[in-house]
Protein backbone atom coordinates (compact mmCIF):
# COMPACT_ATOMS: atom_id res chain seq x y z
CA MET A 1 85.07 83.94 105.67
CA ILE A 2 84.53 80.74 103.74
CA ARG A 3 80.77 80.76 104.24
CA PRO A 4 80.06 84.08 102.56
CA VAL A 5 82.18 83.10 99.64
CA LEU A 6 80.44 79.72 99.20
CA THR A 7 77.10 81.49 99.50
CA GLU A 8 77.98 83.88 96.70
CA VAL A 9 79.30 80.96 94.58
CA ALA A 10 75.96 78.98 95.19
CA LEU A 11 73.90 82.08 94.30
CA PHE A 12 75.86 82.43 91.02
CA LEU A 13 75.43 78.84 90.14
CA ALA A 14 71.70 78.67 91.11
CA PRO A 15 70.24 79.86 87.75
CA PHE A 16 72.39 77.35 85.90
CA ALA A 17 71.43 74.52 88.17
CA ILE A 18 67.67 75.42 87.81
CA TYR A 19 68.19 75.57 84.04
CA VAL A 20 69.69 72.09 84.03
CA ILE A 21 66.77 70.79 86.13
CA PHE A 22 64.42 72.33 83.63
CA LEU A 23 66.26 70.70 80.75
CA LEU A 24 66.06 67.29 82.52
CA ALA A 25 62.41 67.62 83.13
CA THR A 26 61.57 68.53 79.65
CA ARG A 27 63.79 65.76 78.28
CA ALA A 28 65.81 68.23 76.31
CA GLY A 29 69.49 67.58 75.68
CA VAL A 30 71.46 68.93 78.61
CA LEU A 31 74.69 68.73 76.76
CA HIS A 32 73.32 69.68 73.27
CA PRO A 33 74.77 72.99 72.05
CA ASP A 34 71.39 74.36 71.06
CA SER A 35 70.34 74.10 74.70
CA TRP A 36 73.17 76.48 75.68
CA SER A 37 73.03 79.18 73.07
CA LEU A 38 74.87 82.46 73.72
CA PRO A 39 71.66 84.56 74.50
CA ARG A 40 70.40 82.03 76.99
CA LEU A 41 73.85 81.86 78.69
CA ALA A 42 73.78 85.67 78.76
CA TRP A 43 70.41 85.72 80.57
CA LEU A 44 71.62 83.05 83.01
CA VAL A 45 74.77 85.09 83.84
CA ILE A 46 72.57 88.32 84.20
CA ALA A 47 70.29 86.46 86.57
CA ALA A 48 73.30 85.10 88.61
CA LEU A 49 74.80 88.53 88.84
CA VAL A 50 71.59 90.05 90.01
CA LEU A 51 71.21 87.29 92.69
CA MET A 52 74.88 88.08 93.81
CA ILE A 53 74.51 91.82 93.85
CA GLY A 54 71.10 91.38 95.77
CA SER A 55 72.80 89.17 98.32
CA PHE A 56 75.66 91.73 98.79
CA LEU A 57 73.03 94.41 99.47
CA VAL A 58 71.05 92.27 101.88
CA LEU A 59 74.37 91.37 103.76
CA SER A 60 75.54 94.80 103.99
CA GLN A 61 72.11 96.14 105.21
CA PHE A 62 71.42 93.49 107.83
CA SER A 63 74.63 92.37 109.06
CA GLY A 64 77.15 93.91 111.59
CA ALA A 65 76.66 95.08 115.21
CA PRO A 66 73.39 96.33 116.31
CA PRO A 67 73.05 100.06 116.99
CA GLY A 68 74.74 101.16 120.24
CA ALA A 69 77.07 98.14 120.49
CA ARG A 70 80.37 98.63 121.92
CA PRO A 71 83.57 97.13 120.44
CA LEU A 72 85.91 94.87 122.30
CA GLN A 73 88.12 96.61 124.81
CA ARG A 74 91.66 95.57 125.77
CA ARG A 75 92.42 95.77 129.48
CA VAL A 76 95.91 94.96 130.85
CA GLY A 77 96.32 91.56 128.98
CA ARG A 78 92.58 90.62 128.85
CA LEU A 79 89.83 91.13 126.36
CA ALA A 80 86.59 92.42 127.67
CA LEU A 81 83.33 92.15 125.69
CA ARG A 82 80.51 94.35 126.99
CA CYS A 83 77.12 93.13 126.45
CA SER A 84 74.57 95.66 127.84
CA THR A 85 75.54 96.01 131.51
CA ILE A 86 77.26 92.69 131.98
CA PRO A 87 80.93 92.63 131.09
CA ILE A 88 82.19 89.30 129.85
CA VAL A 89 85.94 88.80 130.36
CA PHE A 90 88.11 86.47 128.19
CA LEU A 91 91.63 85.53 129.62
């Protein structure tokens, strides 16, 4: 569960990190208030939210079980996972 959360946090912080790298490359003041004006911060937040929403959509579309997969089945104290025709049994 921690990996998807960290992925979303990283995607949210990515536009800000890219902007900091841009400020360092152009030798502008990274901590100067003019570099972090409200409209610029708003655009960075919008870009971060677009990245997060896009990753949520990709995750929901391409994750999960393949079509036709069977769920775990409980049999008399054992879990059986069926992969195609070969059952795998966990004690």
